[in-house]
Amino acid sequence: MLRWRGLDSVPGGWGRSVVTIGVFDGVHRGHQQIIGHAVKRARETGVPAVVMTFDPHPAEVVRPGSHPAVLTEPSRKAELIAGLGVDALCVIPFTLDFSKLSAEGFVHDVLVDTLHAGFVVVGENFRFGHKAAGDVDLLRRLGRTFGFGVEEAPLVAAGDTVFSSTYIRSLIAAGDVGAAAAALGRPHRLEGVVVRGDQRGRQLGFPTANLMSSQYAAVPADGVYAARVAIGHPTPSDTNRVGAVSIGTNPTFSGRERRVEAFILDFDADIYGERIALDFVERLREQRTYTSLPPLVEQINDDVARTRSLLSEPGTVEESAG
């Protein structure tokens, strides 16, 4: 898949293409349907399929301080999009000036002059241009003027619930990682670098990898989770270990800083500074406060046993940071 950052990176001789547009945070089942529809149309017409997305999130530029939790880091989003058969990904640096581009200007400058769209595939709730003034009807009218077709991909829903990034963020914030996985089409992934913690896990016999994630990452609600774990720079499906993951402030030890700590089963290697990914499969319980260490250790043993029962795969014994 070709990757361009900014319209100036699009090759000057770029020909006709099928284009789909969106933030696509999460690349969830609704996004997959829209992008899949664009890829199908591109294959039928013999031209490349282009996904156009934005960085940073437009909400942060238009309304500073309103940046939503991020479901997929940029590199992860690109991997997922590539896996859908897309030929090129165009990331538009979203600036205040770009946000002021009118709907008509966006169509002329971006879709027609730069990407040479023959078809544009969008969701039925698609909005574009300054103050989101453009809708699908306007896009169709402009398409007739400039010579491109417009197709709507239907929204994906379960019952009355439409799958959207906002809906999935609410599920993750509530700790309902199972429902989030159903909407995403895969478990929610949290990525970051392993940093040093207080070493309490090691003292208790459960050394943990303490994850430092990005500023806006969508971190599940406080609690303990069963998760699949990948170490290094995993592909979208490369998770070959399992872990019991605690999220919270360690209330038993009067902690104040919210942390993500993963006890990786059957693993004992120094991975400080390594990048890891956690794919959350099931919430095991809420965070609890214990009056002494023995009941805490007993509970952790139960968490580990449940994680092993749910997810265990054969693994070698190496050493975890914590």
Protein backbone atom coordinates (compact mmCIF):
# COMPACT_ATOMS: atom_id res chain seq x y z
CA MET A 1 0.00 0.00 0.00
CA LEU A 2 1.31 3.46 -0.93
CA ARG A 3 1.37 5.98 1.91
CA TRP A 4 1.25 9.74 1.39
CA ARG A 5 1.29 12.48 4.00
CA GLY A 6 -0.22 15.66 2.64
CA LEU A 7 -1.65 16.38 -0.77
CA ASP A 8 1.78 17.47 -2.04
CA SER A 9 2.95 13.85 -1.65
CA VAL A 10 0.43 12.52 -4.17
CA PRO A 11 2.33 11.76 -7.41
CA GLY A 12 1.79 14.34 -10.11
CA GLY A 13 0.78 11.73 -12.65
CA TRP A 14 -1.75 10.03 -10.40
CA GLY A 15 -4.70 8.86 -12.47
CA ARG A 16 -8.34 8.14 -11.74
CA SER A 17 -9.16 6.45 -8.45
CA VAL A 18 -11.94 5.43 -6.11
CA VAL A 19 -11.71 7.49 -2.92
CA THR A 20 -13.23 7.05 0.52
CA ILE A 21 -12.86 9.64 3.26
CA GLY A 22 -12.99 9.58 7.05
CA VAL A 23 -11.08 9.66 10.32
CA PHE A 24 -11.59 5.87 10.52
CA ASP A 25 -10.46 5.70 14.15
CA GLY A 26 -10.75 2.07 15.17
CA VAL A 27 -11.25 0.81 11.61
CA HIS A 28 -14.36 -0.84 13.10
CA ARG A 29 -16.94 -2.95 11.29
CA GLY A 30 -18.72 0.11 9.91
CA HIS A 31 -15.44 1.50 8.55
CA GLN A 32 -14.55 -1.91 7.15
CA GLN A 33 -17.78 -1.96 5.19
CA ILE A 34 -17.20 1.51 3.72
CA ILE A 35 -13.57 0.79 2.81
CA GLY A 36 -14.47 -2.66 1.50
CA HIS A 37 -17.13 -1.12 -0.72
CA ALA A 38 -14.55 1.31 -2.13
CA VAL A 39 -12.07 -1.50 -2.79
CA LYS A 40 -14.76 -3.54 -4.55
CA ARG A 41 -15.71 -0.59 -6.76
CA ALA A 42 -12.02 0.05 -7.53
CA ARG A 43 -11.49 -3.57 -8.59
CA GLU A 44 -14.58 -3.44 -10.80
CA THR A 45 -13.42 -0.28 -12.55
CA GLY A 46 -9.72 -1.18 -12.72
CA VAL A 47 -8.41 1.81 -10.77
CA PRO A 48 -6.68 2.17 -7.37
CA ALA A 49 -8.62 2.45 -4.10
CA VAL A 50 -7.52 5.43 -1.99
CA VAL A 51 -8.38 6.03 1.66
CA MET A 52 -8.09 9.63 2.79
CA THR A 53 -7.86 10.27 6.52
CA PHE A 54 -6.72 13.04 8.86
CA ASP A 55 -4.11 13.68 11.55
CA PRO A 56 -4.52 15.03 14.17
CA HIS A 57 -8.16 14.31 14.90
CA PRO A 58 -10.23 17.20 13.46
CA ALA A 59 -12.07 17.68 16.77
CA GLU A 60 -8.85 18.72 18.50
CA VAL A 61 -8.15 21.39 15.87
CA VAL A 62 -11.68 22.79 15.66
CA ARG A 63 -12.36 22.56 19.41
CA PRO A 64 -9.02 22.47 21.28
CA GLY A 65 -9.17 20.25 24.35
CA SER A 66 -11.87 18.00 22.90
CA HIS A 67 -9.58 15.30 21.47
CA PRO A 68 -11.45 11.99 21.79
CA ALA A 69 -9.79 8.84 23.09
CA VAL A 70 -7.86 7.17 20.27
CA LEU A 71 -8.87 3.62 19.37
CA THR A 72 -6.02 2.99 16.94
CA GLU A 73 -2.56 4.55 16.78
CA PRO A 74 -1.64 5.89 13.31
CA SER A 75 0.64 2.96 12.44
CA ARG A 76 -1.96 0.44 13.59
CA LYS A 77 -4.69 2.19 11.61
CA ALA A 78 -2.53 2.08 8.49
CA GLU A 79 -1.88 -1.66 8.96
CA LEU A 80 -5.56 -2.40 9.35
CA ILE A 81 -6.47 -0.33 6.30
CA ALA A 82 -3.77 -2.03 4.24
CA GLY A 83 -5.24 -5.38 5.27
CA LEU A 84 -8.52 -4.42 3.59
CA GLY A 85 -6.87 -4.31 0.15
CA VAL A 86 -6.46 -0.53 -0.15
CA ASP A 87 -3.91 0.67 -2.72
CA ALA A 88 -3.01 4.05 -1.20
CA LEU A 89 -3.47 5.86 2.11
CA CYS A 90 -3.42 9.66 2.04
CA VAL A 91 -3.08 11.26 5.48
CA ILE A 92 -4.06 14.94 5.46
CA PRO A 93 -2.42 17.05 8.20
CA PHE A 94 -5.57 18.64 9.64
CA THR A 95 -4.92 22.32 10.38
CA LEU A 96 -7.12 25.27 11.21
CA ASP A 97 -6.63 26.58 7.68
CA PHE A 98 -7.68 23.24 6.20
CA SER A 99 -10.76 23.23 8.44
CA LYS A 100 -11.85 26.50 6.80
CA LEU A 101 -11.89 24.99 3.31
CA SER A 102 -15.43 25.14 1.96
CA ALA A 103 -17.26 21.98 0.92
CA GLU A 104 -16.98 23.03 -2.73
CA GLY A 105 -13.29 23.87 -2.31
CA PHE A 106 -12.62 20.50 -0.68
CA VAL A 107 -14.21 18.65 -3.57
CA HIS A 108 -12.43 20.71 -6.25
CA ASP A 109 -8.96 20.91 -4.66
CA VAL A 110 -8.73 17.49 -3.04
CA LEU A 111 -11.04 15.03 -4.79
CA VAL A 112 -10.87 16.39 -8.32
CA ASP A 113 -7.55 18.18 -8.82
CA THR A 114 -5.36 15.95 -6.62
CA LEU A 115 -6.89 12.46 -6.30
CA HIS A 116 -8.79 12.50 -9.62
CA ALA A 117 -11.73 10.67 -8.11
CA GLY A 118 -13.89 8.64 -10.46
CA PHE A 119 -16.01 7.41 -7.57
CA VAL A 120 -16.30 8.58 -3.98
CA VAL A 121 -17.61 6.09 -1.42
CA VAL A 122 -18.85 7.44 1.93
CA GLY A 123 -21.13 6.48 4.80
CA GLU A 124 -24.67 7.81 4.80
CA ASN A 125 -23.87 10.22 7.66
CA PHE A 126 -20.81 11.71 5.92
CA ARG A 127 -20.19 15.45 6.39
CA PHE A 128 -17.40 17.59 4.95
CA GLY A 129 -16.15 21.14 4.43
CA HIS A 130 -16.08 24.18 6.71
CA LYS A 131 -18.39 23.69 9.71
CA ALA A 132 -19.43 20.33 8.21
CA ALA A 133 -21.66 22.18 5.77
CA GLY A 134 -21.44 19.48 3.09
CA ASP A 135 -23.50 16.28 3.12
CA VAL A 136 -23.99 13.34 0.75
CA ASP A 137 -26.60 15.20 -1.32
CA LEU A 138 -24.22 18.09 -1.94
CA LEU A 139 -21.42 15.63 -2.75
CA ARG A 140 -23.67 14.02 -5.39
CA ARG A 141 -24.48 17.39 -6.95
CA LEU A 142 -20.83 18.33 -7.09
CA GLY A 143 -20.04 14.89 -8.50
CA ARG A 144 -22.38 15.55 -11.41
CA THR A 145 -20.61 18.84 -12.01
CA PHE A 146 -17.08 17.45 -11.86
CA GLY A 147 -17.70 14.03 -13.35
CA PHE A 148 -17.42 11.55 -10.47
CA GLY A 149 -19.94 9.15 -9.01
CA VAL A 150 -20.96 8.97 -5.37
CA GLU A 151 -21.98 5.80 -3.55
CA GLU A 152 -23.18 5.36 0.00
CA ALA A 153 -22.16 2.37 2.06
CA PRO A 154 -24.86 1.49 4.63
CA LEU A 155 -24.05 1.82 8.31
CA VAL A 156 -23.40 -1.37 10.28
CA ALA A 157 -25.56 -1.96 13.36
CA ALA A 158 -26.61 -4.56 15.90
CA GLY A 159 -30.31 -4.07 16.47
CA ASP A 160 -30.85 -0.35 16.98
CA THR A 161 -27.19 0.33 17.83
CA VAL A 162 -25.08 1.75 14.99
CA PHE A 163 -21.41 0.87 15.27
CA SER A 164 -19.41 4.09 15.52
CA SER A 165 -16.12 5.19 17.04
CA THR A 166 -18.02 7.17 19.69
CA TYR A 167 -20.06 4.11 20.67
CA ILE A 168 -16.94 1.94 20.93
CA ARG A 169 -15.12 4.53 23.03
CA SER A 170 -18.05 4.51 25.47
CA LEU A 171 -17.87 0.72 25.75
CA ILE A 172 -14.13 0.78 26.44
CA ALA A 173 -14.54 3.57 29.00
CA ALA A 174 -17.10 1.35 30.75
CA GLY A 175 -14.82 -1.70 30.62
CA ASP A 176 -17.10 -3.65 28.27
CA VAL A 177 -14.28 -4.91 26.09
CA GLY A 178 -16.38 -7.84 24.84
CA ALA A 179 -19.00 -5.58 23.28
CA ALA A 180 -16.23 -3.32 21.96
CA ALA A 181 -14.63 -6.32 20.24
CA ALA A 182 -17.97 -7.22 18.64
CA ALA A 183 -18.23 -3.72 17.15
CA LEU A 184 -14.57 -3.52 16.15
CA GLY A 185 -14.48 -6.99 14.63
CA ARG A 186 -11.45 -7.83 16.83
CA PRO A 187 -10.32 -7.10 20.43
CA HIS A 188 -9.46 -3.52 21.37
CA ARG A 189 -5.70 -3.04 21.34
CA LEU A 190 -3.67 -0.78 23.66
CA GLU A 191 -0.03 -0.22 22.74
CA GLY A 192 2.89 1.37 24.53
CA VAL A 193 6.40 1.06 25.95
CA VAL A 194 7.30 -0.96 29.05
CA VAL A 195 8.58 1.33 31.84
CA ARG A 196 9.74 0.71 35.39
CA GLY A 197 7.11 0.54 38.12
CA ASP A 198 7.22 0.13 41.90
CA GLN A 199 8.34 -3.52 41.68
CA ARG A 200 5.43 -4.55 43.94
CA GLY A 201 4.27 -7.18 41.48
CA ARG A 202 7.66 -8.85 41.52
CA GLN A 203 7.70 -8.82 45.32
CA LEU A 204 4.32 -10.57 45.31
CA GLY A 205 5.50 -13.17 42.80
CA PHE A 206 3.75 -11.60 39.80
CA PRO A 207 6.22 -9.35 37.92
CA THR A 208 4.32 -6.99 35.66
CA ALA A 209 5.10 -5.07 32.50
CA ASN A 210 4.03 -1.48 33.16
CA LEU A 211 2.71 0.08 29.98
CA MET A 212 3.19 3.75 29.08
CA SER A 213 0.67 4.46 26.33
CA SER A 214 0.18 7.59 24.22
CA GLN A 215 -1.55 10.68 25.61
CA TYR A 216 -4.99 10.09 24.09
CA ALA A 217 -5.05 6.29 24.04
CA ALA A 218 -8.40 4.66 24.83
CA VAL A 219 -7.61 2.90 28.11
CA PRO A 220 -10.33 0.59 29.45
CA ALA A 221 -12.05 1.29 32.77
CA ASP A 222 -10.29 0.34 35.99
CA GLY A 223 -10.37 -3.40 36.56
CA VAL A 224 -8.61 -6.65 35.75
CA TYR A 225 -8.72 -8.10 32.24
CA ALA A 226 -7.67 -11.18 30.31
CA ALA A 227 -5.68 -10.07 27.29
CA ARG A 228 -3.54 -11.39 24.49
CA VAL A 229 -0.05 -9.90 24.46
CA ALA A 230 2.42 -9.18 21.66
CA ILE A 231 5.97 -7.97 22.25
CA GLY A 232 7.89 -5.83 19.76
CA HIS A 233 6.14 -4.43 16.70
CA PRO A 234 3.25 -6.82 16.05
CA THR A 235 1.16 -7.12 12.95
CA PRO A 236 -2.61 -6.66 13.43
CA SER A 237 -3.04 -10.36 14.29
CA ASP A 238 0.32 -11.19 15.93
CA THR A 239 -0.48 -11.82 19.61
CA ASN A 240 1.16 -15.02 20.81
CA ARG A 241 1.12 -14.63 24.59
CA VAL A 242 -1.52 -14.04 27.24
CA GLY A 243 -1.65 -11.87 30.32
CA ALA A 244 -3.75 -10.74 33.27
CA VAL A 245 -3.88 -6.94 33.03
CA SER A 246 -4.62 -4.64 35.95
CA ILE A 247 -5.75 -1.08 35.28
CA GLY A 248 -6.11 1.40 38.11
CA THR A 249 -4.33 3.16 40.95
CA ASN A 250 -3.38 0.12 43.09
CA PRO A 251 -5.85 1.05 45.87
CA THR A 252 -4.46 -1.57 48.28
CA PHE A 253 -1.20 0.41 48.29
CA SER A 254 -2.90 3.85 48.31
CA GLY A 255 -1.67 4.58 44.82
CA ARG A 256 -2.61 7.79 43.03
CA GLU A 257 -1.26 7.29 39.51
CA ARG A 258 -3.44 5.31 37.14
CA ARG A 259 -1.43 2.49 35.58
CA VAL A 260 -1.73 -0.38 33.13
CA GLU A 261 0.19 -3.43 34.40
CA ALA A 262 0.33 -6.76 32.60
CA PHE A 263 1.40 -10.03 34.20
CA ILE A 264 2.45 -12.08 31.17
CA LEU A 265 1.91 -15.78 31.76
CA ASP A 266 4.83 -18.19 31.30
CA PHE A 267 7.20 -15.35 30.50
CA ASP A 268 10.28 -14.12 32.33
CA ALA A 269 12.54 -11.80 30.26
CA ASP A 270 13.69 -8.22 30.74
CA ILE A 271 11.58 -6.14 28.33
CA TYR A 272 12.07 -2.63 29.73
CA GLY A 273 11.97 -0.21 26.83
CA GLU A 274 10.24 -2.72 24.55
CA ARG A 275 6.97 -1.90 22.82
CA ILE A 276 4.08 -4.23 23.64
CA ALA A 277 0.46 -4.52 22.57
CA LEU A 278 -2.45 -5.71 24.72
CA ASP A 279 -5.58 -7.06 23.03
CA PHE A 280 -8.36 -7.00 25.66
CA VAL A 281 -10.59 -10.07 25.49
CA GLU A 282 -12.62 -10.12 28.71
CA ARG A 283 -13.03 -8.12 31.91
CA LEU A 284 -12.48 -10.41 34.88
CA ARG A 285 -13.47 -8.09 37.72
CA GLU A 286 -13.43 -4.55 39.11
CA GLN A 287 -10.54 -3.08 41.13
CA ARG A 288 -10.69 -3.93 44.84
CA THR A 289 -8.93 -2.83 48.02
CA TYR A 290 -7.50 -5.50 50.34
CA THR A 291 -6.62 -5.06 54.00
CA SER A 292 -3.62 -7.41 53.83
CA LEU A 293 -1.43 -9.11 51.23
CA PRO A 294 -2.57 -12.79 51.51
CA PRO A 295 -6.09 -12.20 50.14
CA LEU A 296 -4.62 -10.01 47.39
CA VAL A 297 -2.20 -12.76 46.34
CA GLU A 298 -5.05 -15.29 46.43
CA GLN A 299 -7.14 -13.04 44.18
CA ILE A 300 -4.27 -12.55 41.74
CA ASN A 301 -3.78 -16.31 41.55
CA ASP A 302 -7.47 -16.63 40.69
CA ASP A 303 -7.17 -13.89 38.03
CA VAL A 304 -4.21 -15.72 36.47
CA ALA A 305 -6.01 -19.06 36.54
CA ARG A 306 -9.08 -17.56 34.84
CA THR A 307 -6.89 -15.86 32.23
CA ARG A 308 -5.11 -19.14 31.52
CA SER A 309 -8.41 -20.97 31.21
CA LEU A 310 -9.81 -18.36 28.83
CA LEU A 311 -6.82 -17.69 26.63
CA SER A 312 -3.87 -19.92 27.38
CA GLU A 313 -1.62 -21.01 24.57
CA PRO A 314 1.65 -22.93 24.93
CA GLY A 315 4.55 -20.58 25.63
CA THR A 316 8.17 -20.60 26.72
CA VAL A 317 9.35 -19.24 30.03
CA GLU A 318 11.31 -16.00 29.73
CA GLU A 319 11.33 -12.97 32.12
CA SER A 320 8.91 -10.03 32.42
CA ALA A 321 9.70 -6.52 33.61
CA GLY A 322 7.93 -5.19 36.64
